[in-house]
Amino acid sequence: MLEGKSKKDFRDYYIQTEGLQTKTIESQRLELLLFYAMSESKQYGVLVDWFDSVGVDIELLIDYNIHTNILKGFFYDISENNCSKTFKTRPQARQQAIKKANQIYNERTT
């Protein structure tokens, strides 16, 4: 999911927040592999916490028609960088939000 500088910086954040600094490199790698083996839904909360900590705020929103009570789908808002595309499912919106946050972070840090 993460690429470039955000992948490296997230790794450092994860090691720090999970208290893995005193573990061996092999143990740290194993913990990261276990994290990435989890479903994207489970990873999402930790990724959002990291993006929050670096100033890239992600919010998933429901596109809901209040007049017809029909759910149209989901979209995301990232640090006032709204996505106008509506996705059918929350997982689709979540995946695209992480992808966009990754791009924003990498552009800011290069």
N, C-alpha and C. Protein backbone atom coordinates (compact mmCIF):
# COMPACT_ATOMS: atom_id res chain seq x y z
N MET A 1 0.82 -1.20 0.00
CA MET A 1 0.00 0.00 0.00
C MET A 1 0.86 1.26 0.00
N LEU A 2 1.83 1.31 0.88
CA LEU A 2 2.71 2.49 0.94
C LEU A 2 3.90 2.29 0.02
N GLU A 3 4.38 3.40 -0.51
CA GLU A 3 5.54 3.36 -1.40
C GLU A 3 6.44 4.54 -1.09
N GLY A 4 7.69 4.42 -1.53
CA GLY A 4 8.63 5.52 -1.41
C GLY A 4 8.96 5.89 0.03
N LYS A 5 9.15 7.18 0.25
CA LYS A 5 9.55 7.68 1.56
C LYS A 5 8.51 7.37 2.63
N SER A 6 7.23 7.38 2.26
CA SER A 6 6.20 7.10 3.26
C SER A 6 6.34 5.68 3.81
N LYS A 7 6.75 4.73 2.99
CA LYS A 7 6.93 3.36 3.46
C LYS A 7 8.04 3.29 4.52
N LYS A 8 9.16 3.96 4.24
CA LYS A 8 10.28 3.98 5.19
C LYS A 8 9.90 4.71 6.48
N ASP A 9 9.27 5.87 6.33
CA ASP A 9 8.91 6.67 7.51
C ASP A 9 7.84 5.98 8.35
N PHE A 10 6.89 5.29 7.68
CA PHE A 10 5.89 4.54 8.43
C PHE A 10 6.57 3.42 9.21
N ARG A 11 7.51 2.74 8.58
CA ARG A 11 8.25 1.66 9.25
C ARG A 11 8.89 2.17 10.53
N ASP A 12 9.55 3.31 10.46
CA ASP A 12 10.19 3.89 11.65
C ASP A 12 9.15 4.23 12.71
N TYR A 13 8.01 4.79 12.29
CA TYR A 13 6.92 5.13 13.21
C TYR A 13 6.39 3.86 13.89
N TYR A 14 6.17 2.83 13.11
CA TYR A 14 5.61 1.58 13.64
C TYR A 14 6.55 0.96 14.66
N ILE A 15 7.82 0.93 14.34
CA ILE A 15 8.81 0.38 15.28
C ILE A 15 8.80 1.17 16.58
N GLN A 16 8.74 2.49 16.48
CA GLN A 16 8.72 3.36 17.66
C GLN A 16 7.44 3.16 18.48
N THR A 17 6.29 3.25 17.84
CA THR A 17 5.02 3.20 18.58
C THR A 17 4.73 1.82 19.15
N GLU A 18 5.26 0.78 18.53
CA GLU A 18 5.04 -0.58 19.04
C GLU A 18 6.12 -1.01 20.02
N GLY A 19 7.07 -0.10 20.32
CA GLY A 19 8.12 -0.41 21.28
C GLY A 19 9.10 -1.47 20.79
N LEU A 20 9.39 -1.46 19.51
CA LEU A 20 10.25 -2.49 18.92
C LEU A 20 11.71 -2.06 18.77
N GLN A 21 12.05 -0.86 19.28
CA GLN A 21 13.40 -0.34 19.08
C GLN A 21 14.48 -1.24 19.68
N THR A 22 14.17 -1.92 20.76
CA THR A 22 15.17 -2.76 21.43
C THR A 22 15.19 -4.18 20.88
N LYS A 23 14.30 -4.49 19.96
CA LYS A 23 14.25 -5.83 19.36
C LYS A 23 15.31 -5.93 18.26
N THR A 24 15.64 -7.14 17.90
CA THR A 24 16.60 -7.35 16.82
C THR A 24 15.97 -6.92 15.49
N ILE A 25 16.80 -6.68 14.50
CA ILE A 25 16.32 -6.31 13.17
C ILE A 25 15.38 -7.39 12.63
N GLU A 26 15.72 -8.65 12.88
CA GLU A 26 14.89 -9.75 12.41
C GLU A 26 13.51 -9.71 13.07
N SER A 27 13.47 -9.42 14.36
CA SER A 27 12.19 -9.32 15.08
C SER A 27 11.37 -8.15 14.56
N GLN A 28 12.04 -7.04 14.28
CA GLN A 28 11.33 -5.88 13.73
C GLN A 28 10.73 -6.23 12.37
N ARG A 29 11.51 -6.89 11.53
CA ARG A 29 11.02 -7.29 10.21
C ARG A 29 9.82 -8.22 10.32
N LEU A 30 9.90 -9.16 11.26
CA LEU A 30 8.80 -10.10 11.47
C LEU A 30 7.53 -9.35 11.89
N GLU A 31 7.68 -8.41 12.82
CA GLU A 31 6.52 -7.62 13.27
C GLU A 31 5.91 -6.84 12.11
N LEU A 32 6.75 -6.27 11.26
CA LEU A 32 6.24 -5.54 10.09
C LEU A 32 5.56 -6.48 9.10
N LEU A 33 6.14 -7.66 8.91
CA LEU A 33 5.50 -8.64 8.03
C LEU A 33 4.12 -9.05 8.57
N LEU A 34 4.03 -9.23 9.88
CA LEU A 34 2.74 -9.57 10.49
C LEU A 34 1.74 -8.44 10.31
N PHE A 35 2.21 -7.21 10.45
CA PHE A 35 1.33 -6.06 10.23
C PHE A 35 0.80 -6.06 8.80
N TYR A 36 1.69 -6.19 7.83
CA TYR A 36 1.29 -6.16 6.42
C TYR A 36 0.49 -7.39 6.01
N ALA A 37 0.55 -8.47 6.80
CA ALA A 37 -0.24 -9.67 6.51
C ALA A 37 -1.70 -9.49 6.94
N MET A 38 -1.95 -8.51 7.81
CA MET A 38 -3.33 -8.24 8.23
C MET A 38 -4.13 -7.68 7.06
N SER A 39 -5.43 -7.77 7.16
CA SER A 39 -6.28 -7.20 6.11
C SER A 39 -6.10 -5.68 6.07
N GLU A 40 -6.42 -5.10 4.92
CA GLU A 40 -6.31 -3.65 4.77
C GLU A 40 -7.20 -2.93 5.77
N SER A 41 -8.34 -3.53 6.09
CA SER A 41 -9.24 -2.92 7.08
C SER A 41 -8.55 -2.78 8.43
N LYS A 42 -7.80 -3.79 8.82
CA LYS A 42 -7.10 -3.76 10.10
C LYS A 42 -5.90 -2.82 10.07
N GLN A 43 -5.23 -2.75 8.94
CA GLN A 43 -4.08 -1.86 8.81
C GLN A 43 -4.50 -0.39 8.80
N TYR A 44 -5.69 -0.12 8.31
CA TYR A 44 -6.15 1.24 8.07
C TYR A 44 -6.02 2.15 9.29
N GLY A 45 -6.45 1.70 10.44
CA GLY A 45 -6.41 2.54 11.64
C GLY A 45 -5.00 2.98 12.00
N VAL A 46 -4.05 2.06 11.90
CA VAL A 46 -2.66 2.39 12.21
C VAL A 46 -2.10 3.35 11.17
N LEU A 47 -2.43 3.12 9.91
CA LEU A 47 -1.97 4.02 8.85
C LEU A 47 -2.55 5.42 9.03
N VAL A 48 -3.82 5.50 9.38
CA VAL A 48 -4.44 6.82 9.60
C VAL A 48 -3.77 7.52 10.78
N ASP A 49 -3.47 6.78 11.85
CA ASP A 49 -2.76 7.38 12.99
C ASP A 49 -1.41 7.95 12.55
N TRP A 50 -0.69 7.19 11.71
CA TRP A 50 0.60 7.67 11.23
C TRP A 50 0.43 8.90 10.34
N PHE A 51 -0.50 8.83 9.40
CA PHE A 51 -0.72 9.99 8.53
C PHE A 51 -1.13 11.21 9.36
N ASP A 52 -1.97 11.02 10.38
CA ASP A 52 -2.31 12.13 11.29
C ASP A 52 -1.06 12.73 11.91
N SER A 53 -0.14 11.87 12.33
CA SER A 53 1.06 12.34 13.02
C SER A 53 1.99 13.15 12.12
N VAL A 54 1.84 12.98 10.80
CA VAL A 54 2.68 13.72 9.86
C VAL A 54 1.89 14.80 9.12
N GLY A 55 0.67 15.07 9.59
CA GLY A 55 -0.11 16.17 9.05
C GLY A 55 -0.89 15.89 7.79
N VAL A 56 -1.12 14.63 7.49
CA VAL A 56 -1.96 14.26 6.35
C VAL A 56 -3.21 13.62 6.94
N ASP A 57 -4.26 14.41 7.07
CA ASP A 57 -5.47 13.96 7.77
C ASP A 57 -6.45 13.33 6.78
N ILE A 58 -6.81 12.08 7.07
CA ILE A 58 -7.71 11.33 6.20
C ILE A 58 -9.08 11.21 6.88
N GLU A 59 -10.11 11.47 6.10
CA GLU A 59 -11.46 11.28 6.60
C GLU A 59 -12.28 10.59 5.52
N LEU A 60 -12.93 9.49 5.88
CA LEU A 60 -13.85 8.83 4.96
C LEU A 60 -15.25 9.34 5.25
N LEU A 61 -15.99 9.62 4.19
CA LEU A 61 -17.32 10.20 4.33
C LEU A 61 -18.33 9.38 3.54
N ILE A 62 -19.57 9.43 3.99
CA ILE A 62 -20.65 8.72 3.33
C ILE A 62 -21.37 9.69 2.39
N ASP A 63 -21.58 9.25 1.17
CA ASP A 63 -22.36 10.02 0.20
C ASP A 63 -23.79 9.49 0.28
N TYR A 64 -24.62 10.25 0.95
CA TYR A 64 -25.97 9.80 1.29
C TYR A 64 -26.98 10.84 0.84
N ASN A 65 -27.99 10.41 0.13
CA ASN A 65 -29.05 11.32 -0.31
C ASN A 65 -30.10 11.44 0.80
N ILE A 66 -30.17 12.58 1.45
CA ILE A 66 -31.08 12.74 2.58
C ILE A 66 -32.54 12.80 2.15
N HIS A 67 -32.80 13.09 0.89
CA HIS A 67 -34.18 13.18 0.41
C HIS A 67 -34.76 11.80 0.10
N THR A 68 -33.92 10.90 -0.37
CA THR A 68 -34.40 9.56 -0.74
C THR A 68 -33.95 8.48 0.24
N ASN A 69 -33.11 8.86 1.21
CA ASN A 69 -32.55 7.90 2.18
C ASN A 69 -31.78 6.77 1.49
N ILE A 70 -31.10 7.11 0.42
CA ILE A 70 -30.33 6.11 -0.32
C ILE A 70 -28.84 6.40 -0.17
N LEU A 71 -28.11 5.36 0.17
CA LEU A 71 -26.65 5.45 0.26
C LEU A 71 -26.09 5.40 -1.15
N LYS A 72 -25.39 6.45 -1.54
CA LYS A 72 -24.79 6.50 -2.87
C LYS A 72 -23.42 5.84 -2.88
N GLY A 73 -22.71 5.91 -1.77
CA GLY A 73 -21.38 5.33 -1.70
C GLY A 73 -20.54 6.06 -0.68
N PHE A 74 -19.22 6.06 -0.90
CA PHE A 74 -18.27 6.63 0.04
C PHE A 74 -17.24 7.46 -0.72
N PHE A 75 -16.73 8.49 -0.07
CA PHE A 75 -15.64 9.26 -0.64
C PHE A 75 -14.72 9.68 0.49
N TYR A 76 -13.58 10.28 0.15
CA TYR A 76 -12.63 10.67 1.17
C TYR A 76 -12.25 12.14 1.06
N ASP A 77 -11.78 12.64 2.18
CA ASP A 77 -11.26 14.01 2.26
C ASP A 77 -9.90 13.90 2.93
N ILE A 78 -8.89 14.44 2.29
CA ILE A 78 -7.54 14.38 2.85
C ILE A 78 -6.98 15.78 2.94
N SER A 79 -6.75 16.22 4.16
CA SER A 79 -6.14 17.53 4.38
C SER A 79 -6.71 18.58 3.42
N GLU A 80 -8.02 18.67 3.39
CA GLU A 80 -8.72 19.63 2.53
C GLU A 80 -8.50 19.38 1.04
N ASN A 81 -8.15 18.16 0.69
CA ASN A 81 -7.94 17.77 -0.70
C ASN A 81 -9.04 16.77 -1.07
N ASN A 82 -10.25 17.26 -1.20
CA ASN A 82 -11.43 16.41 -1.35
C ASN A 82 -11.42 15.62 -2.65
N CYS A 83 -11.86 14.37 -2.54
CA CYS A 83 -12.01 13.51 -3.70
C CYS A 83 -13.46 13.58 -4.13
N SER A 84 -13.71 13.97 -5.35
CA SER A 84 -15.08 14.12 -5.80
C SER A 84 -15.67 12.80 -6.31
N LYS A 85 -14.84 11.79 -6.46
CA LYS A 85 -15.32 10.50 -6.94
C LYS A 85 -15.95 9.72 -5.80
N THR A 86 -17.10 9.14 -6.06
CA THR A 86 -17.77 8.30 -5.08
C THR A 86 -17.46 6.84 -5.40
N PHE A 87 -17.12 6.09 -4.35
CA PHE A 87 -16.81 4.67 -4.51
C PHE A 87 -17.99 3.86 -3.98
N LYS A 88 -18.23 2.71 -4.57
CA LYS A 88 -19.37 1.89 -4.15
C LYS A 88 -19.23 1.37 -2.73
N THR A 89 -18.01 1.03 -2.34
CA THR A 89 -17.81 0.42 -1.02
C THR A 89 -16.82 1.21 -0.18
N ARG A 90 -16.95 1.06 1.11
CA ARG A 90 -16.00 1.70 2.03
C ARG A 90 -14.57 1.19 1.79
N PRO A 91 -14.36 -0.14 1.61
CA PRO A 91 -12.99 -0.60 1.35
C PRO A 91 -12.36 0.04 0.11
N GLN A 92 -13.14 0.25 -0.95
CA GLN A 92 -12.60 0.91 -2.14
C GLN A 92 -12.17 2.34 -1.81
N ALA A 93 -13.02 3.07 -1.10
CA ALA A 93 -12.70 4.45 -0.73
C ALA A 93 -11.49 4.48 0.19
N ARG A 94 -11.43 3.54 1.12
CA ARG A 94 -10.32 3.47 2.07
C ARG A 94 -9.00 3.23 1.33
N GLN A 95 -9.01 2.29 0.40
CA GLN A 95 -7.81 1.97 -0.37
C GLN A 95 -7.34 3.17 -1.19
N GLN A 96 -8.26 3.86 -1.83
CA GLN A 96 -7.89 5.03 -2.63
C GLN A 96 -7.43 6.19 -1.76
N ALA A 97 -8.01 6.31 -0.57
CA ALA A 97 -7.59 7.37 0.36
C ALA A 97 -6.15 7.16 0.80
N ILE A 98 -5.78 5.92 1.13
CA ILE A 98 -4.40 5.63 1.52
C ILE A 98 -3.46 5.88 0.35
N LYS A 99 -3.86 5.49 -0.83
CA LYS A 99 -3.05 5.72 -2.03
C LYS A 99 -2.80 7.22 -2.24
N LYS A 100 -3.85 8.03 -2.10
CA LYS A 100 -3.72 9.47 -2.28
C LYS A 100 -2.89 10.09 -1.16
N ALA A 101 -3.11 9.66 0.08
CA ALA A 101 -2.32 10.17 1.22
C ALA A 101 -0.85 9.84 1.02
N ASN A 102 -0.56 8.64 0.53
CA ASN A 102 0.81 8.24 0.24
C ASN A 102 1.44 9.20 -0.78
N GLN A 103 0.70 9.50 -1.83
CA GLN A 103 1.18 10.42 -2.86
C GLN A 103 1.43 11.81 -2.28
N ILE A 104 0.48 12.31 -1.50
CA ILE A 104 0.63 13.64 -0.90
C ILE A 104 1.86 13.69 0.00
N TYR A 105 2.02 12.69 0.85
CA TYR A 105 3.17 12.67 1.77
C TYR A 105 4.48 12.63 0.99
N ASN A 106 4.56 11.77 0.01
CA ASN A 106 5.80 11.64 -0.77
C ASN A 106 6.12 12.94 -1.52
N GLU A 107 5.11 13.63 -2.01
CA GLU A 107 5.35 14.91 -2.70
C GLU A 107 5.83 15.98 -1.72
N ARG A 108 5.32 15.95 -0.50
CA ARG A 108 5.72 16.94 0.51
C ARG A 108 7.16 16.73 0.99
N THR A 109 7.61 15.49 0.98
CA THR A 109 8.91 15.19 1.59
C THR A 109 10.03 15.04 0.58
N THR A 110 9.76 15.31 -0.68
CA THR A 110 10.85 15.18 -1.67
C THR A 110 11.44 16.52 -2.02
